[in-house]
Amino acid sequence: MKQFTSENLKPENLNGLTLVDFWAPWCGPCRMAAPVLEALSEEYAGRVTFGKLNIDENADAAIALGVMSIPTLVLFKDGKEVDRLIGMQGKPAFQSLIEKHLA
């Protein structure tokens, strides 16, 4: 899973589908989502890029994208936001988010 920062989370760096998990170490639901996202990153390897952005260390990126609560998953297609999920919603919801944009 790629580690995003304020410096490398730029539209020109995001090719194809990229799912970014906005999280923080102190966030319980974020810690619950982590193993699910790791499993999905293996399941969708080669088709979707998965990454994480720690909002404590990169608050400016979270603010710029309007992330108000965590976990927030933002799905980008070729650098443009196409969808987002807020909160720990489980593997089926995460898969549905990805599947409707795979084509």
PDB file of N, CA and C in Angstrom:
ATOM      1  N   MET A   1       0.845  -1.172   0.000  1.00  0.00           N
ATOM      2  CA  MET A   1       0.000   0.000   0.000  1.00  0.00           C
ATOM      3  C   MET A   1       0.892   1.237   0.000  1.00  0.00           C
ATOM      4  N   LYS A   2       0.605   2.143  -0.902  1.00  0.00           N
ATOM      5  CA  LYS A   2       1.406   3.352  -1.066  1.00  0.00           C
ATOM      6  C   LYS A   2       1.152   4.327   0.091  1.00  0.00           C
ATOM      7  N   GLN A   3       2.200   5.015   0.512  1.00  0.00           N
ATOM      8  CA  GLN A   3       2.070   6.036   1.547  1.00  0.00           C
ATOM      9  C   GLN A   3       2.008   7.401   0.869  1.00  0.00           C
ATOM     10  N   PHE A   4       0.854   8.053   0.958  1.00  0.00           N
ATOM     11  CA  PHE A   4       0.711   9.365   0.357  1.00  0.00           C
ATOM     12  C   PHE A   4       1.032  10.455   1.372  1.00  0.00           C
ATOM     13  N   THR A   5       1.497  11.580   0.854  1.00  0.00           N
ATOM     14  CA  THR A   5       1.767  12.771   1.652  1.00  0.00           C
ATOM     15  C   THR A   5       1.159  13.963   0.921  1.00  0.00           C
ATOM     16  N   SER A   6       1.216  15.104   1.548  1.00  0.00           N
ATOM     17  CA  SER A   6       0.737  16.327   0.894  1.00  0.00           C
ATOM     18  C   SER A   6       1.516  16.588  -0.387  1.00  0.00           C
ATOM     19  N   GLU A   7       2.777  16.171  -0.411  1.00  0.00           N
ATOM     20  CA  GLU A   7       3.637  16.430  -1.568  1.00  0.00           C
ATOM     21  C   GLU A   7       3.340  15.503  -2.747  1.00  0.00           C
ATOM     22  N   ASN A   8       3.039  14.231  -2.491  1.00  0.00           N
ATOM     23  CA  ASN A   8       2.863  13.310  -3.625  1.00  0.00           C
ATOM     24  C   ASN A   8       1.407  12.982  -3.963  1.00  0.00           C
ATOM     25  N   LEU A   9       0.448  13.504  -3.205  1.00  0.00           N
ATOM     26  CA  LEU A   9      -0.962  13.295  -3.544  1.00  0.00           C
ATOM     27  C   LEU A   9      -1.395  14.434  -4.473  1.00  0.00           C
ATOM     28  N   LYS A  10      -0.968  14.311  -5.719  1.00  0.00           N
ATOM     29  CA  LYS A  10      -1.248  15.313  -6.750  1.00  0.00           C
ATOM     30  C   LYS A  10      -1.931  14.617  -7.920  1.00  0.00           C
ATOM     31  N   PRO A  11      -2.866  15.299  -8.590  1.00  0.00           N
ATOM     32  CA  PRO A  11      -3.579  14.670  -9.711  1.00  0.00           C
ATOM     33  C   PRO A  11      -2.653  14.052 -10.755  1.00  0.00           C
ATOM     34  N   GLU A  12      -1.550  14.702 -11.045  1.00  0.00           N
ATOM     35  CA  GLU A  12      -0.642  14.177 -12.071  1.00  0.00           C
ATOM     36  C   GLU A  12       0.065  12.892 -11.638  1.00  0.00           C
ATOM     37  N   ASN A  13       0.032  12.570 -10.346  1.00  0.00           N
ATOM     38  CA  ASN A  13       0.660  11.345  -9.842  1.00  0.00           C
ATOM     39  C   ASN A  13      -0.317  10.173  -9.745  1.00  0.00           C
ATOM     40  N   LEU A  14      -1.589  10.418 -10.032  1.00  0.00           N
ATOM     41  CA  LEU A  14      -2.618   9.392  -9.852  1.00  0.00           C
ATOM     42  C   LEU A  14      -3.116   8.905 -11.208  1.00  0.00           C
ATOM     43  N   ASN A  15      -2.658   7.734 -11.604  1.00  0.00           N
ATOM     44  CA  ASN A  15      -3.068   7.157 -12.883  1.00  0.00           C
ATOM     45  C   ASN A  15      -4.013   5.997 -12.644  1.00  0.00           C
ATOM     46  N   GLY A  16      -5.044   5.884 -13.482  1.00  0.00           N
ATOM     47  CA  GLY A  16      -6.020   4.823 -13.306  1.00  0.00           C
ATOM     48  C   GLY A  16      -6.817   5.047 -12.045  1.00  0.00           C
ATOM     49  N   LEU A  17      -7.314   3.960 -11.452  1.00  0.00           N
ATOM     50  CA  LEU A  17      -8.067   4.066 -10.200  1.00  0.00           C
ATOM     51  C   LEU A  17      -7.117   4.043  -9.013  1.00  0.00           C
ATOM     52  N   THR A  18      -7.293   5.001  -8.116  1.00  0.00           N
ATOM     53  CA  THR A  18      -6.490   5.090  -6.902  1.00  0.00           C
ATOM     54  C   THR A  18      -7.418   5.327  -5.731  1.00  0.00           C
ATOM     55  N   LEU A  19      -7.367   4.443  -4.747  1.00  0.00           N
ATOM     56  CA  LEU A  19      -8.181   4.577  -3.538  1.00  0.00           C
ATOM     57  C   LEU A  19      -7.275   5.046  -2.406  1.00  0.00           C
ATOM     58  N   VAL A  20      -7.588   6.211  -1.850  1.00  0.00           N
ATOM     59  CA  VAL A  20      -6.771   6.780  -0.777  1.00  0.00           C
ATOM     60  C   VAL A  20      -7.568   6.743   0.522  1.00  0.00           C
ATOM     61  N   ASP A  21      -6.961   6.138   1.540  1.00  0.00           N
ATOM     62  CA  ASP A  21      -7.533   6.030   2.874  1.00  0.00           C
ATOM     63  C   ASP A  21      -6.973   7.173   3.717  1.00  0.00           C
ATOM     64  N   PHE A  22      -7.819   8.118   4.103  1.00  0.00           N
ATOM     65  CA  PHE A  22      -7.426   9.197   5.005  1.00  0.00           C
ATOM     66  C   PHE A  22      -7.664   8.687   6.419  1.00  0.00           C
ATOM     67  N   TRP A  23      -6.598   8.637   7.214  1.00  0.00           N
ATOM     68  CA  TRP A  23      -6.655   7.971   8.511  1.00  0.00           C
ATOM     69  C   TRP A  23      -5.746   8.683   9.510  1.00  0.00           C
ATOM     70  N   ALA A  24      -5.774   8.215  10.764  1.00  0.00           N
ATOM     71  CA  ALA A  24      -4.858   8.666  11.815  1.00  0.00           C
ATOM     72  C   ALA A  24      -4.619   7.495  12.764  1.00  0.00           C
ATOM     73  N   PRO A  25      -3.424   7.434  13.364  1.00  0.00           N
ATOM     74  CA  PRO A  25      -3.090   6.308  14.243  1.00  0.00           C
ATOM     75  C   PRO A  25      -4.017   6.160  15.452  1.00  0.00           C
ATOM     76  N   TRP A  26      -4.579   7.240  15.925  1.00  0.00           N
ATOM     77  CA  TRP A  26      -5.436   7.208  17.110  1.00  0.00           C
ATOM     78  C   TRP A  26      -6.876   6.831  16.798  1.00  0.00           C
ATOM     79  N   CYS A  27      -7.224   6.652  15.535  1.00  0.00           N
ATOM     80  CA  CYS A  27      -8.603   6.409  15.100  1.00  0.00           C
ATOM     81  C   CYS A  27      -8.917   4.911  15.109  1.00  0.00           C
ATOM     82  N   GLY A  28      -9.798   4.487  16.011  1.00  0.00           N
ATOM     83  CA  GLY A  28     -10.183   3.075  16.114  1.00  0.00           C
ATOM     84  C   GLY A  28     -10.782   2.515  14.831  1.00  0.00           C
ATOM     85  N   PRO A  29     -11.784   3.176  14.242  1.00  0.00           N
ATOM     86  CA  PRO A  29     -12.348   2.673  12.989  1.00  0.00           C
ATOM     87  C   PRO A  29     -11.312   2.608  11.857  1.00  0.00           C
ATOM     88  N   CYS A  30     -10.349   3.515  11.872  1.00  0.00           N
ATOM     89  CA  CYS A  30      -9.278   3.484  10.862  1.00  0.00           C
ATOM     90  C   CYS A  30      -8.457   2.209  11.016  1.00  0.00           C
ATOM     91  N   ARG A  31      -8.164   1.853  12.262  1.00  0.00           N
ATOM     92  CA  ARG A  31      -7.390   0.630  12.511  1.00  0.00           C
ATOM     93  C   ARG A  31      -8.189  -0.605  12.110  1.00  0.00           C
ATOM     94  N   MET A  32      -9.521  -0.550  12.238  1.00  0.00           N
ATOM     95  CA  MET A  32     -10.363  -1.676  11.816  1.00  0.00           C
ATOM     96  C   MET A  32     -10.394  -1.775  10.289  1.00  0.00           C
ATOM     97  N   ALA A  33     -10.351  -0.659   9.601  1.00  0.00           N
ATOM     98  CA  ALA A  33     -10.407  -0.660   8.135  1.00  0.00           C
ATOM     99  C   ALA A  33      -9.095  -1.126   7.512  1.00  0.00           C
ATOM    100  N   ALA A  34      -7.975  -0.910   8.190  1.00  0.00           N
ATOM    101  CA  ALA A  34      -6.654  -1.186   7.617  1.00  0.00           C
ATOM    102  C   ALA A  34      -6.492  -2.610   7.077  1.00  0.00           C
ATOM    103  N   PRO A  35      -6.804  -3.677   7.848  1.00  0.00           N
ATOM    104  CA  PRO A  35      -6.605  -5.027   7.299  1.00  0.00           C
ATOM    105  C   PRO A  35      -7.545  -5.333   6.129  1.00  0.00           C
ATOM    106  N   VAL A  36      -8.733  -4.748   6.143  1.00  0.00           N
ATOM    107  CA  VAL A  36      -9.676  -4.947   5.038  1.00  0.00           C
ATOM    108  C   VAL A  36      -9.110  -4.320   3.771  1.00  0.00           C
ATOM    109  N   LEU A  37      -8.579  -3.115   3.904  1.00  0.00           N
ATOM    110  CA  LEU A  37      -7.999  -2.433   2.744  1.00  0.00           C
ATOM    111  C   LEU A  37      -6.744  -3.147   2.247  1.00  0.00           C
ATOM    112  N   GLU A  38      -5.955  -3.695   3.162  1.00  0.00           N
ATOM    113  CA  GLU A  38      -4.772  -4.467   2.767  1.00  0.00           C
ATOM    114  C   GLU A  38      -5.191  -5.673   1.922  1.00  0.00           C
ATOM    115  N   ALA A  39      -6.227  -6.377   2.372  1.00  0.00           N
ATOM    116  CA  ALA A  39      -6.728  -7.549   1.637  1.00  0.00           C
ATOM    117  C   ALA A  39      -7.250  -7.133   0.264  1.00  0.00           C
ATOM    118  N   LEU A  40      -7.975  -6.031   0.211  1.00  0.00           N
ATOM    119  CA  LEU A  40      -8.499  -5.556  -1.070  1.00  0.00           C
ATOM    120  C   LEU A  40      -7.376  -5.113  -2.005  1.00  0.00           C
ATOM    121  N   SER A  41      -6.311  -4.560  -1.441  1.00  0.00           N
ATOM    122  CA  SER A  41      -5.184  -4.135  -2.287  1.00  0.00           C
ATOM    123  C   SER A  41      -4.549  -5.337  -2.984  1.00  0.00           C
ATOM    124  N   GLU A  42      -4.549  -6.489  -2.315  1.00  0.00           N
ATOM    125  CA  GLU A  42      -4.040  -7.717  -2.937  1.00  0.00           C
ATOM    126  C   GLU A  42      -5.038  -8.242  -3.968  1.00  0.00           C
ATOM    127  N   GLU A  43      -6.310  -8.190  -3.625  1.00  0.00           N
ATOM    128  CA  GLU A  43      -7.373  -8.682  -4.512  1.00  0.00           C
ATOM    129  C   GLU A  43      -7.436  -7.870  -5.818  1.00  0.00           C
ATOM    130  N   TYR A  44      -7.205  -6.591  -5.733  1.00  0.00           N
ATOM    131  CA  TYR A  44      -7.293  -5.715  -6.904  1.00  0.00           C
ATOM    132  C   TYR A  44      -5.921  -5.299  -7.442  1.00  0.00           C
ATOM    133  N   ALA A  45      -4.884  -6.028  -7.060  1.00  0.00           N
ATOM    134  CA  ALA A  45      -3.521  -5.711  -7.509  1.00  0.00           C
ATOM    135  C   ALA A  45      -3.464  -5.621  -9.031  1.00  0.00           C
ATOM    136  N   GLY A  46      -2.835  -4.572  -9.528  1.00  0.00           N
ATOM    137  CA  GLY A  46      -2.704  -4.369 -10.960  1.00  0.00           C
ATOM    138  C   GLY A  46      -3.876  -3.635 -11.593  1.00  0.00           C
ATOM    139  N   ARG A  47      -4.966  -3.506 -10.837  1.00  0.00           N
ATOM    140  CA  ARG A  47      -6.143  -2.806 -11.369  1.00  0.00           C
ATOM    141  C   ARG A  47      -6.459  -1.530 -10.602  1.00  0.00           C
ATOM    142  N   VAL A  48      -6.130  -1.506  -9.307  1.00  0.00           N
ATOM    143  CA  VAL A  48      -6.398  -0.350  -8.452  1.00  0.00           C
ATOM    144  C   VAL A  48      -5.178  -0.120  -7.575  1.00  0.00           C
ATOM    145  N   THR A  49      -4.754   1.131  -7.472  1.00  0.00           N
ATOM    146  CA  THR A  49      -3.675   1.503  -6.549  1.00  0.00           C
ATOM    147  C   THR A  49      -4.318   1.885  -5.220  1.00  0.00           C
ATOM    148  N   PHE A  50      -3.794   1.335  -4.146  1.00  0.00           N
ATOM    149  CA  PHE A  50      -4.288   1.646  -2.803  1.00  0.00           C
ATOM    150  C   PHE A  50      -3.227   2.441  -2.062  1.00  0.00           C
ATOM    151  N   GLY A  51      -3.671   3.425  -1.311  1.00  0.00           N
ATOM    152  CA  GLY A  51      -2.735   4.217  -0.530  1.00  0.00           C
ATOM    153  C   GLY A  51      -3.381   4.764   0.722  1.00  0.00           C
ATOM    154  N   LYS A  52      -2.525   5.252   1.613  1.00  0.00           N
ATOM    155  CA  LYS A  52      -2.967   5.824   2.884  1.00  0.00           C
ATOM    156  C   LYS A  52      -2.363   7.203   3.024  1.00  0.00           C
ATOM    157  N   LEU A  53      -3.101   8.094   3.686  1.00  0.00           N
ATOM    158  CA  LEU A  53      -2.576   9.414   4.000  1.00  0.00           C
ATOM    159  C   LEU A  53      -2.915   9.714   5.452  1.00  0.00           C
ATOM    160  N   ASN A  54      -1.884   9.872   6.253  1.00  0.00           N
ATOM    161  CA  ASN A  54      -2.035  10.172   7.676  1.00  0.00           C
ATOM    162  C   ASN A  54      -2.407  11.652   7.801  1.00  0.00           C
ATOM    163  N   ILE A  55      -3.631  11.926   8.281  1.00  0.00           N
ATOM    164  CA  ILE A  55      -4.090  13.313   8.333  1.00  0.00           C
ATOM    165  C   ILE A  55      -3.374  14.135   9.396  1.00  0.00           C
ATOM    166  N   ASP A  56      -2.820  13.478  10.418  1.00  0.00           N
ATOM    167  CA  ASP A  56      -2.071  14.219  11.433  1.00  0.00           C
ATOM    168  C   ASP A  56      -0.788  14.800  10.851  1.00  0.00           C
ATOM    169  N   GLU A  57      -0.177  14.067   9.933  1.00  0.00           N
ATOM    170  CA  GLU A  57       1.090  14.503   9.329  1.00  0.00           C
ATOM    171  C   GLU A  57       0.879  15.293   8.047  1.00  0.00           C
ATOM    172  N   ASN A  58      -0.320  15.241   7.472  1.00  0.00           N
ATOM    173  CA  ASN A  58      -0.601  15.874   6.177  1.00  0.00           C
ATOM    174  C   ASN A  58      -1.967  16.555   6.199  1.00  0.00           C
ATOM    175  N   ALA A  59      -2.196  17.352   7.226  1.00  0.00           N
ATOM    176  CA  ALA A  59      -3.502  17.989   7.406  1.00  0.00           C
ATOM    177  C   ALA A  59      -3.889  18.860   6.214  1.00  0.00           C
ATOM    178  N   ASP A  60      -2.927  19.514   5.595  1.00  0.00           N
ATOM    179  CA  ASP A  60      -3.244  20.404   4.479  1.00  0.00           C
ATOM    180  C   ASP A  60      -3.873  19.650   3.309  1.00  0.00           C
ATOM    181  N   ALA A  61      -3.410  18.429   3.046  1.00  0.00           N
ATOM    182  CA  ALA A  61      -3.989  17.626   1.962  1.00  0.00           C
ATOM    183  C   ALA A  61      -5.425  17.231   2.303  1.00  0.00           C
ATOM    184  N   ALA A  62      -5.659  16.853   3.551  1.00  0.00           N
ATOM    185  CA  ALA A  62      -7.005  16.473   3.982  1.00  0.00           C
ATOM    186  C   ALA A  62      -7.952  17.670   3.886  1.00  0.00           C
ATOM    187  N   ILE A  63      -7.499  18.824   4.318  1.00  0.00           N
ATOM    188  CA  ILE A  63      -8.321  20.033   4.264  1.00  0.00           C
ATOM    189  C   ILE A  63      -8.625  20.409   2.818  1.00  0.00           C
ATOM    190  N   ALA A  64      -7.619  20.332   1.956  1.00  0.00           N
ATOM    191  CA  ALA A  64      -7.794  20.693   0.545  1.00  0.00           C
ATOM    192  C   ALA A  64      -8.844  19.816  -0.134  1.00  0.00           C
ATOM    193  N   LEU A  65      -8.961  18.554   0.315  1.00  0.00           N
ATOM    194  CA  LEU A  65      -9.927  17.634  -0.284  1.00  0.00           C
ATOM    195  C   LEU A  65     -11.244  17.576   0.497  1.00  0.00           C
ATOM    196  N   GLY A  66     -11.379  18.413   1.510  1.00  0.00           N
ATOM    197  CA  GLY A  66     -12.628  18.464   2.254  1.00  0.00           C
ATOM    198  C   GLY A  66     -12.885  17.265   3.138  1.00  0.00           C
ATOM    199  N   VAL A  67     -11.834  16.609   3.597  1.00  0.00           N
ATOM    200  CA  VAL A  67     -11.985  15.466   4.503  1.00  0.00           C
ATOM    201  C   VAL A  67     -12.266  16.010   5.896  1.00  0.00           C
ATOM    202  N   MET A  68     -13.470  15.740   6.386  1.00  0.00           N
ATOM    203  CA  MET A  68     -13.915  16.292   7.669  1.00  0.00           C
ATOM    204  C   MET A  68     -13.908  15.260   8.794  1.00  0.00           C
ATOM    205  N   SER A  69     -13.969  13.965   8.452  1.00  0.00           N
ATOM    206  CA  SER A  69     -13.938  12.911   9.462  1.00  0.00           C
ATOM    207  C   SER A  69     -13.204  11.720   8.876  1.00  0.00           C
ATOM    208  N   ILE A  70     -12.760  10.841   9.773  1.00  0.00           N
ATOM    209  CA  ILE A  70     -11.994   9.677   9.320  1.00  0.00           C
ATOM    210  C   ILE A  70     -12.584   8.416   9.929  1.00  0.00           C
ATOM    211  N   PRO A  71     -12.402   7.285   9.290  1.00  0.00           N
ATOM    212  CA  PRO A  71     -11.748   7.136   7.997  1.00  0.00           C
ATOM    213  C   PRO A  71     -12.614   7.674   6.858  1.00  0.00           C
ATOM    214  N   THR A  72     -11.962   8.264   5.890  1.00  0.00           N
ATOM    215  CA  THR A  72     -12.601   8.653   4.646  1.00  0.00           C
ATOM    216  C   THR A  72     -11.806   8.020   3.522  1.00  0.00           C
ATOM    217  N   LEU A  73     -12.498   7.327   2.627  1.00  0.00           N
ATOM    218  CA  LEU A  73     -11.868   6.732   1.455  1.00  0.00           C
ATOM    219  C   LEU A  73     -12.260   7.565   0.252  1.00  0.00           C
ATOM    220  N   VAL A  74     -11.262   8.066  -0.472  1.00  0.00           N
ATOM    221  CA  VAL A  74     -11.517   8.858  -1.668  1.00  0.00           C
ATOM    222  C   VAL A  74     -10.993   8.067  -2.863  1.00  0.00           C
ATOM    223  N   LEU A  75     -11.858   7.879  -3.852  1.00  0.00           N
ATOM    224  CA  LEU A  75     -11.490   7.150  -5.055  1.00  0.00           C
ATOM    225  C   LEU A  75     -11.248   8.149  -6.186  1.00  0.00           C
ATOM    226  N   PHE A  76     -10.051   8.068  -6.759  1.00  0.00           N
ATOM    227  CA  PHE A  76      -9.665   8.928  -7.868  1.00  0.00           C
ATOM    228  C   PHE A  76      -9.573   8.096  -9.138  1.00  0.00           C
ATOM    229  N   LYS A  77      -9.941   8.684 -10.264  1.00  0.00           N
ATOM    230  CA  LYS A  77      -9.738   8.063 -11.564  1.00  0.00           C
ATOM    231  C   LYS A  77      -8.942   9.054 -12.395  1.00  0.00           C
ATOM    232  N   ASP A  78      -7.711   8.660 -12.729  1.00  0.00           N
ATOM    233  CA  ASP A  78      -6.795   9.529 -13.471  1.00  0.00           C
ATOM    234  C   ASP A  78      -6.676  10.909 -12.833  1.00  0.00           C
ATOM    235  N   GLY A  79      -6.564  10.930 -11.501  1.00  0.00           N
ATOM    236  CA  GLY A  79      -6.315  12.162 -10.774  1.00  0.00           C
ATOM    237  C   GLY A  79      -7.534  12.974 -10.399  1.00  0.00           C
ATOM    238  N   LYS A  80      -8.712  12.527 -10.811  1.00  0.00           N
ATOM    239  CA  LYS A  80      -9.933  13.259 -10.515  1.00  0.00           C
ATOM    240  C   LYS A  80     -10.791  12.453  -9.554  1.00  0.00           C
ATOM    241  N   GLU A  81     -11.273  13.094  -8.477  1.00  0.00           N
ATOM    242  CA  GLU A  81     -12.122  12.389  -7.521  1.00  0.00           C
ATOM    243  C   GLU A  81     -13.418  11.964  -8.195  1.00  0.00           C
ATOM    244  N   VAL A  82     -13.747  10.665  -8.044  1.00  0.00           N
ATOM    245  CA  VAL A  82     -14.981  10.138  -8.627  1.00  0.00           C
ATOM    246  C   VAL A  82     -15.966   9.633  -7.567  1.00  0.00           C
ATOM    247  N   ASP A  83     -15.472   9.381  -6.340  1.00  0.00           N
ATOM    248  CA  ASP A  83     -16.364   8.862  -5.300  1.00  0.00           C
ATOM    249  C   ASP A  83     -15.660   8.928  -3.955  1.00  0.00           C
ATOM    250  N   ARG A  84     -16.443   8.805  -2.889  1.00  0.00           N
ATOM    251  CA  ARG A  84     -15.871   8.714  -1.536  1.00  0.00           C
ATOM    252  C   ARG A  84     -16.823   8.011  -0.592  1.00  0.00           C
ATOM    253  N   LEU A  85     -16.241   7.390   0.423  1.00  0.00           N
ATOM    254  CA  LEU A  85     -16.989   6.748   1.506  1.00  0.00           C
ATOM    255  C   LEU A  85     -16.456   7.309   2.816  1.00  0.00           C
ATOM    256  N   ILE A  86     -17.354   7.571   3.739  1.00  0.00           N
ATOM    257  CA  ILE A  86     -16.950   8.091   5.041  1.00  0.00           C
ATOM    258  C   ILE A  86     -17.329   7.073   6.097  1.00  0.00           C
ATOM    259  N   GLY A  87     -16.371   6.743   6.954  1.00  0.00           N
ATOM    260  CA  GLY A  87     -16.614   5.804   8.041  1.00  0.00           C
ATOM    261  C   GLY A  87     -16.237   4.378   7.672  1.00  0.00           C
ATOM    262  N   MET A  88     -16.158   3.536   8.690  1.00  0.00           N
ATOM    263  CA  MET A  88     -15.837   2.124   8.498  1.00  0.00           C
ATOM    264  C   MET A  88     -17.115   1.412   8.088  1.00  0.00           C
ATOM    265  N   GLN A  89     -17.222   1.073   6.805  1.00  0.00           N
ATOM    266  CA  GLN A  89     -18.446   0.466   6.299  1.00  0.00           C
ATOM    267  C   GLN A  89     -18.269  -0.998   5.924  1.00  0.00           C
ATOM    268  N   GLY A  90     -17.072  -1.522   5.996  1.00  0.00           N
ATOM    269  CA  GLY A  90     -16.847  -2.937   5.750  1.00  0.00           C
ATOM    270  C   GLY A  90     -16.483  -3.265   4.318  1.00  0.00           C
ATOM    271  N   LYS A  91     -16.000  -4.488   4.151  1.00  0.00           N
ATOM    272  CA  LYS A  91     -15.490  -4.936   2.859  1.00  0.00           C
ATOM    273  C   LYS A  91     -16.512  -4.839   1.727  1.00  0.00           C
ATOM    274  N   PRO A  92     -17.782  -5.281   1.914  1.00  0.00           N
ATOM    275  CA  PRO A  92     -18.729  -5.187   0.799  1.00  0.00           C
ATOM    276  C   PRO A  92     -18.921  -3.748   0.285  1.00  0.00           C
ATOM    277  N   ALA A  93     -18.976  -2.785   1.196  1.00  0.00           N
ATOM    278  CA  ALA A  93     -19.142  -1.381   0.782  1.00  0.00           C
ATOM    279  C   ALA A  93     -17.902  -0.890   0.046  1.00  0.00           C
ATOM    280  N   PHE A  94     -16.726  -1.281   0.538  1.00  0.00           N
ATOM    281  CA  PHE A  94     -15.481  -0.879  -0.118  1.00  0.00           C
ATOM    282  C   PHE A  94     -15.392  -1.487  -1.519  1.00  0.00           C
ATOM    283  N   GLN A  95     -15.779  -2.771  -1.628  1.00  0.00           N
ATOM    284  CA  GLN A  95     -15.758  -3.441  -2.935  1.00  0.00           C
ATOM    285  C   GLN A  95     -16.741  -2.784  -3.897  1.00  0.00           C
ATOM    286  N   SER A  96     -17.913  -2.448  -3.417  1.00  0.00           N
ATOM    287  CA  SER A  96     -18.924  -1.810  -4.254  1.00  0.00           C
ATOM    288  C   SER A  96     -18.423  -0.474  -4.786  1.00  0.00           C
ATOM    289  N   LEU A  97     -17.767   0.288  -3.930  1.00  0.00           N
ATOM    290  CA  LEU A  97     -17.191   1.572  -4.336  1.00  0.00           C
ATOM    291  C   LEU A  97     -16.216   1.383  -5.501  1.00  0.00           C
ATOM    292  N   ILE A  98     -15.363   0.380  -5.385  1.00  0.00           N
ATOM    293  CA  ILE A  98     -14.354   0.104  -6.418  1.00  0.00           C
ATOM    294  C   ILE A  98     -15.011  -0.439  -7.690  1.00  0.00           C
ATOM    295  N   GLU A  99     -15.864  -1.424  -7.522  1.00  0.00           N
ATOM    296  CA  GLU A  99     -16.450  -2.126  -8.673  1.00  0.00           C
ATOM    297  C   GLU A  99     -17.238  -1.206  -9.601  1.00  0.00           C
ATOM    298  N   LYS A 100     -17.930  -0.237  -9.037  1.00  0.00           N
ATOM    299  CA  LYS A 100     -18.742   0.612  -9.909  1.00  0.00           C
ATOM    300  C   LYS A 100     -17.906   1.567 -10.759  1.00  0.00           C
ATOM    301  N   HIS A 101     -16.594   1.646 -10.468  1.00  0.00           N
ATOM    302  CA  HIS A 101     -15.719   2.512 -11.263  1.00  0.00           C
ATOM    303  C   HIS A 101     -14.672   1.734 -12.078  1.00  0.00           C
ATOM    304  N   LEU A 102     -14.655   0.420 -11.925  1.00  0.00           N
ATOM    305  CA  LEU A 102     -13.761  -0.397 -12.725  1.00  0.00           C
ATOM    306  C   LEU A 102     -14.381  -0.597 -14.106  1.00  0.00           C
ATOM    307  N   ALA A 103     -13.649  -0.250 -15.138  1.00  0.00           N
ATOM    308  CA  ALA A 103     -14.164  -0.476 -16.502  1.00  0.00           C
ATOM    309  C   ALA A 103     -13.046  -0.312 -17.507  1.00  0.00           C
TER     310      ALA A 103
END
